[in-house]
Amino acid sequence: MTRFNKLIGLKAIAVSVALSMTAGLALAGDNNVTAGQILDALKPKPPTRGLSTGPQEDPAAQAKEAGFLNTVRNRQTRSLSLGEREQIAELASAKPKIDLEIQFDYNSADIAKTSIPSVQALGKALSDPTLKGSTFVVAGHTDVIGSDPFNQDLSERRADTIKRYLVEKFGITGSDLVTVGYGKTKLKDTVNGADPINRRVQVVNMETKSASK
């Protein structure tokens, strides 16, 4: 029983980790991530040399991507079609990104007080000269509890809340933040859909400068 209890305790600790990176690394320690950690995760990756050229290195693909992003700038989050949401997800899949486990008040888009430091760290990171002016996707996600329409709406409102906070508190240009909600359609833990790790905000550096920069 002692070993079993230890295993349960270790699992509980793992679940409480506040941030996970796309490389599969989790940052232990404080529940709130630092601006430096976010900055490192979102910095554009240096181009790799190889026999083939990826789509990001293709000027035609880059132009097409930039053109699409320009069509969704300043759009209301709820106005994005399913096709546009999926296209954003496809483009974002190969970009530098970070998942922030930002907690909100129950059934609300209001940021919980305990998560304010993480959002502030995000604002500081996006204000860094190495990232400033880039286009970022702010994607809201929920767990599986509740109906599809409810979770879709909640994820959109939560993404909008983060954008509004970044614009008002840190002066981030609104057109550089593309907000999208995915409800419970893109779970981080597909085995346990109710796991809190699924209630997250993902930030993606699309590595595209806005036209005004």
Protein backbone atom coordinates (compact mmCIF):
# COMPACT_ATOMS: atom_id res chain seq x y z
CA MET A 1 0.00 0.00 0.00
CA THR A 2 2.87 2.38 0.75
CA ARG A 3 4.27 2.02 -2.75
CA PHE A 4 0.80 2.43 -4.23
CA ASN A 5 0.22 5.63 -2.26
CA LYS A 6 3.56 6.96 -3.43
CA LEU A 7 2.61 6.33 -7.03
CA ILE A 8 -0.71 8.12 -6.54
CA GLY A 9 1.09 11.04 -4.93
CA LEU A 10 3.60 11.29 -7.76
CA LYS A 11 0.78 11.27 -10.31
CA ALA A 12 -0.98 14.09 -8.49
CA ILE A 13 2.21 16.15 -8.54
CA ALA A 14 2.66 15.54 -12.26
CA VAL A 15 -0.89 16.64 -13.00
CA SER A 16 -0.36 19.90 -11.13
CA VAL A 17 2.56 21.00 -13.27
CA ALA A 18 1.44 24.29 -14.74
CA LEU A 19 3.22 24.30 -18.07
CA SER A 20 4.23 21.85 -20.74
CA MET A 21 6.27 22.41 -23.88
CA THR A 22 5.84 20.89 -27.29
CA ALA A 23 9.08 18.99 -26.93
CA GLY A 24 7.41 17.08 -24.13
CA LEU A 25 9.34 18.77 -21.34
CA ALA A 26 7.48 19.91 -18.23
CA LEU A 27 8.71 22.67 -15.96
CA ALA A 28 8.51 21.65 -12.34
CA GLY A 29 8.48 23.94 -9.34
CA ASP A 30 6.27 27.01 -9.04
CA ASN A 31 2.80 26.89 -10.56
CA ASN A 32 3.46 30.14 -12.41
CA VAL A 33 5.75 30.15 -15.42
CA THR A 34 8.34 32.90 -15.88
CA ALA A 35 8.67 35.35 -18.76
CA GLY A 36 12.06 33.82 -19.58
CA GLN A 37 10.58 30.35 -19.92
CA ILE A 38 7.85 31.62 -22.22
CA LEU A 39 10.38 33.60 -24.25
CA ASP A 40 12.59 30.56 -24.75
CA ALA A 41 9.63 28.46 -25.90
CA LEU A 42 8.37 31.06 -28.38
CA LYS A 43 11.65 32.11 -29.96
CA PRO A 44 11.79 31.17 -33.65
CA LYS A 45 13.80 28.04 -34.20
CA PRO A 46 16.94 28.42 -36.36
CA PRO A 47 16.55 26.92 -39.84
CA THR A 48 17.87 23.39 -40.15
CA ARG A 49 19.96 22.25 -43.05
CA GLY A 50 18.88 19.12 -44.80
CA LEU A 51 18.23 17.49 -48.13
CA SER A 52 14.70 18.86 -48.36
CA THR A 53 13.19 22.26 -47.79
CA GLY A 54 10.26 22.46 -45.41
CA PRO A 55 7.15 24.50 -46.15
CA GLN A 56 8.30 27.29 -43.83
CA GLU A 57 11.35 27.87 -46.05
CA ASP A 58 9.31 28.06 -49.25
CA PRO A 59 8.66 31.73 -50.16
CA ALA A 60 5.39 30.83 -51.89
CA ALA A 61 4.17 28.93 -48.82
CA GLN A 62 5.25 31.79 -46.56
CA ALA A 63 3.35 34.30 -48.68
CA LYS A 64 0.23 32.12 -48.65
CA GLU A 65 0.47 31.72 -44.88
CA ALA A 66 0.93 35.46 -44.34
CA GLY A 67 -2.01 36.17 -46.62
CA PHE A 68 -4.27 33.86 -44.65
CA LEU A 69 -3.20 35.35 -41.32
CA ASN A 70 -4.01 38.82 -42.64
CA THR A 71 -7.58 37.68 -43.36
CA VAL A 72 -8.11 36.69 -39.71
CA ARG A 73 -6.49 39.73 -38.08
CA ASN A 74 -8.92 41.85 -36.09
CA ARG A 75 -11.67 39.26 -36.66
CA GLN A 76 -14.10 38.51 -33.87
CA THR A 77 -13.11 35.14 -32.40
CA ARG A 78 -16.61 33.70 -32.73
CA SER A 79 -16.73 34.72 -36.41
CA LEU A 80 -14.06 32.19 -37.43
CA SER A 81 -15.45 29.27 -39.37
CA LEU A 82 -14.59 25.67 -38.57
CA GLY A 83 -12.41 25.59 -41.69
CA GLU A 84 -10.51 28.69 -40.61
CA ARG A 85 -10.00 27.30 -37.11
CA GLU A 86 -8.61 24.09 -38.55
CA GLN A 87 -6.34 26.00 -40.92
CA ILE A 88 -4.95 28.01 -38.01
CA ALA A 89 -4.32 24.77 -36.11
CA GLU A 90 -2.54 23.24 -39.11
CA LEU A 91 -0.27 26.24 -39.56
CA ALA A 92 0.43 26.45 -35.83
CA SER A 93 1.37 22.77 -35.52
CA ALA A 94 4.95 23.34 -36.70
CA LYS A 95 5.50 26.68 -34.96
CA PRO A 96 7.12 27.54 -31.61
CA LYS A 97 4.41 27.27 -28.98
CA ILE A 98 3.71 26.94 -25.30
CA ASP A 99 0.74 25.66 -23.29
CA LEU A 100 -0.17 27.72 -20.24
CA GLU A 101 -2.49 26.18 -17.67
CA ILE A 102 -4.31 29.42 -16.92
CA GLN A 103 -7.19 28.94 -14.52
CA PHE A 104 -10.43 30.89 -14.84
CA ASP A 105 -13.26 31.40 -12.39
CA TYR A 106 -15.85 28.61 -12.55
CA ASN A 107 -17.92 28.71 -15.75
CA SER A 108 -16.39 32.12 -16.41
CA ALA A 109 -13.89 33.85 -18.67
CA ASP A 110 -12.49 35.83 -15.72
CA ILE A 111 -8.87 34.96 -14.99
CA ALA A 112 -8.41 33.41 -11.56
CA LYS A 113 -6.22 35.46 -9.23
CA THR A 114 -3.77 32.57 -8.91
CA SER A 115 -3.11 32.67 -12.67
CA ILE A 116 -2.56 36.42 -13.01
CA PRO A 117 1.25 36.03 -12.59
CA SER A 118 1.36 33.62 -15.55
CA VAL A 119 -0.56 36.05 -17.76
CA GLN A 120 1.71 38.87 -16.66
CA ALA A 121 4.73 36.74 -17.54
CA LEU A 122 3.20 36.15 -20.97
CA GLY A 123 2.78 39.90 -21.45
CA LYS A 124 6.41 40.53 -20.53
CA ALA A 125 7.61 37.82 -22.90
CA LEU A 126 5.56 39.10 -25.85
CA SER A 127 6.89 42.60 -25.16
CA ASP A 128 10.50 41.42 -25.49
CA PRO A 129 12.31 42.99 -28.49
CA THR A 130 13.02 39.54 -29.95
CA LEU A 131 9.28 38.79 -30.17
CA LYS A 132 7.64 42.18 -30.37
CA GLY A 133 5.72 42.70 -33.58
CA SER A 134 5.35 39.03 -34.41
CA THR A 135 1.94 37.51 -34.97
CA PHE A 136 0.73 35.21 -32.21
CA VAL A 137 -2.19 32.83 -32.04
CA VAL A 138 -3.92 32.71 -28.65
CA ALA A 139 -5.97 29.51 -28.58
CA GLY A 140 -8.44 28.61 -25.84
CA HIS A 141 -9.13 24.97 -24.91
CA THR A 142 -11.46 23.28 -22.41
CA ASP A 143 -11.91 19.84 -20.91
CA VAL A 144 -14.75 17.52 -21.95
CA ILE A 145 -17.17 18.46 -19.17
CA GLY A 146 -20.20 20.22 -20.65
CA SER A 147 -21.78 20.42 -24.08
CA ASP A 148 -19.94 21.15 -27.31
CA PRO A 149 -21.56 24.58 -27.84
CA PHE A 150 -20.93 25.61 -24.23
CA ASN A 151 -17.25 24.66 -24.35
CA GLN A 152 -16.73 26.26 -27.76
CA ASP A 153 -18.16 29.54 -26.51
CA LEU A 154 -16.20 29.33 -23.26
CA SER A 155 -12.90 28.67 -25.05
CA GLU A 156 -13.49 31.66 -27.34
CA ARG A 157 -14.33 33.99 -24.46
CA ARG A 158 -11.28 32.88 -22.52
CA ALA A 159 -8.99 33.47 -25.50
CA ASP A 160 -10.56 36.93 -25.87
CA THR A 161 -9.92 37.64 -22.18
CA ILE A 162 -6.21 36.89 -22.54
CA LYS A 163 -5.96 39.08 -25.63
CA ARG A 164 -7.75 41.95 -23.92
CA TYR A 165 -5.44 41.69 -20.89
CA LEU A 166 -2.32 41.73 -23.08
CA VAL A 167 -3.54 44.73 -25.06
CA GLU A 168 -4.70 46.76 -22.06
CA LYS A 169 -1.93 45.92 -19.59
CA PHE A 170 1.09 45.52 -21.87
CA GLY A 171 0.24 47.51 -24.98
CA ILE A 172 0.49 44.52 -27.31
CA THR A 173 -0.91 45.45 -30.71
CA GLY A 174 -4.33 43.84 -31.06
CA SER A 175 -3.81 42.95 -34.72
CA ASP A 176 -0.76 40.90 -33.72
CA LEU A 177 -2.94 38.58 -31.61
CA VAL A 178 -5.20 36.14 -33.47
CA THR A 179 -7.65 34.53 -31.04
CA VAL A 180 -9.32 31.20 -31.66
CA GLY A 181 -11.32 28.76 -29.56
CA TYR A 182 -11.30 24.98 -29.92
CA GLY A 183 -13.59 23.98 -27.08
CA LYS A 184 -12.96 20.33 -26.24
CA THR A 185 -11.96 19.27 -29.76
CA LYS A 186 -8.18 19.27 -29.25
CA LEU A 187 -7.50 17.66 -25.90
CA LYS A 188 -3.97 17.53 -24.55
CA ASP A 189 -4.84 14.39 -22.57
CA THR A 190 -7.12 12.35 -24.78
CA VAL A 191 -7.26 9.45 -22.31
CA ASN A 192 -8.62 11.55 -19.46
CA GLY A 193 -10.68 14.27 -21.06
CA ALA A 194 -11.67 15.77 -17.70
CA ASP A 195 -8.06 16.28 -16.63
CA PRO A 196 -7.34 19.95 -15.75
CA ILE A 197 -4.37 19.86 -18.14
CA ASN A 198 -6.91 20.17 -20.97
CA ARG A 199 -8.11 23.54 -19.64
CA ARG A 200 -5.35 25.60 -21.16
CA VAL A 201 -4.42 28.54 -23.31
CA GLN A 202 -1.94 27.81 -26.06
CA VAL A 203 0.20 30.62 -27.45
CA VAL A 204 1.88 30.12 -30.82
CA ASN A 205 4.48 32.32 -32.49
CA MET A 206 3.46 32.30 -36.14
CA GLU A 207 6.83 33.87 -36.99
CA THR A 208 5.13 36.42 -39.23
CA LYS A 209 5.53 40.14 -38.73
CA SER A 210 2.44 42.27 -39.17
CA ALA A 211 2.39 44.56 -42.17
CA SER A 212 2.72 47.67 -39.99
CA LYS A 213 6.05 46.52 -38.51
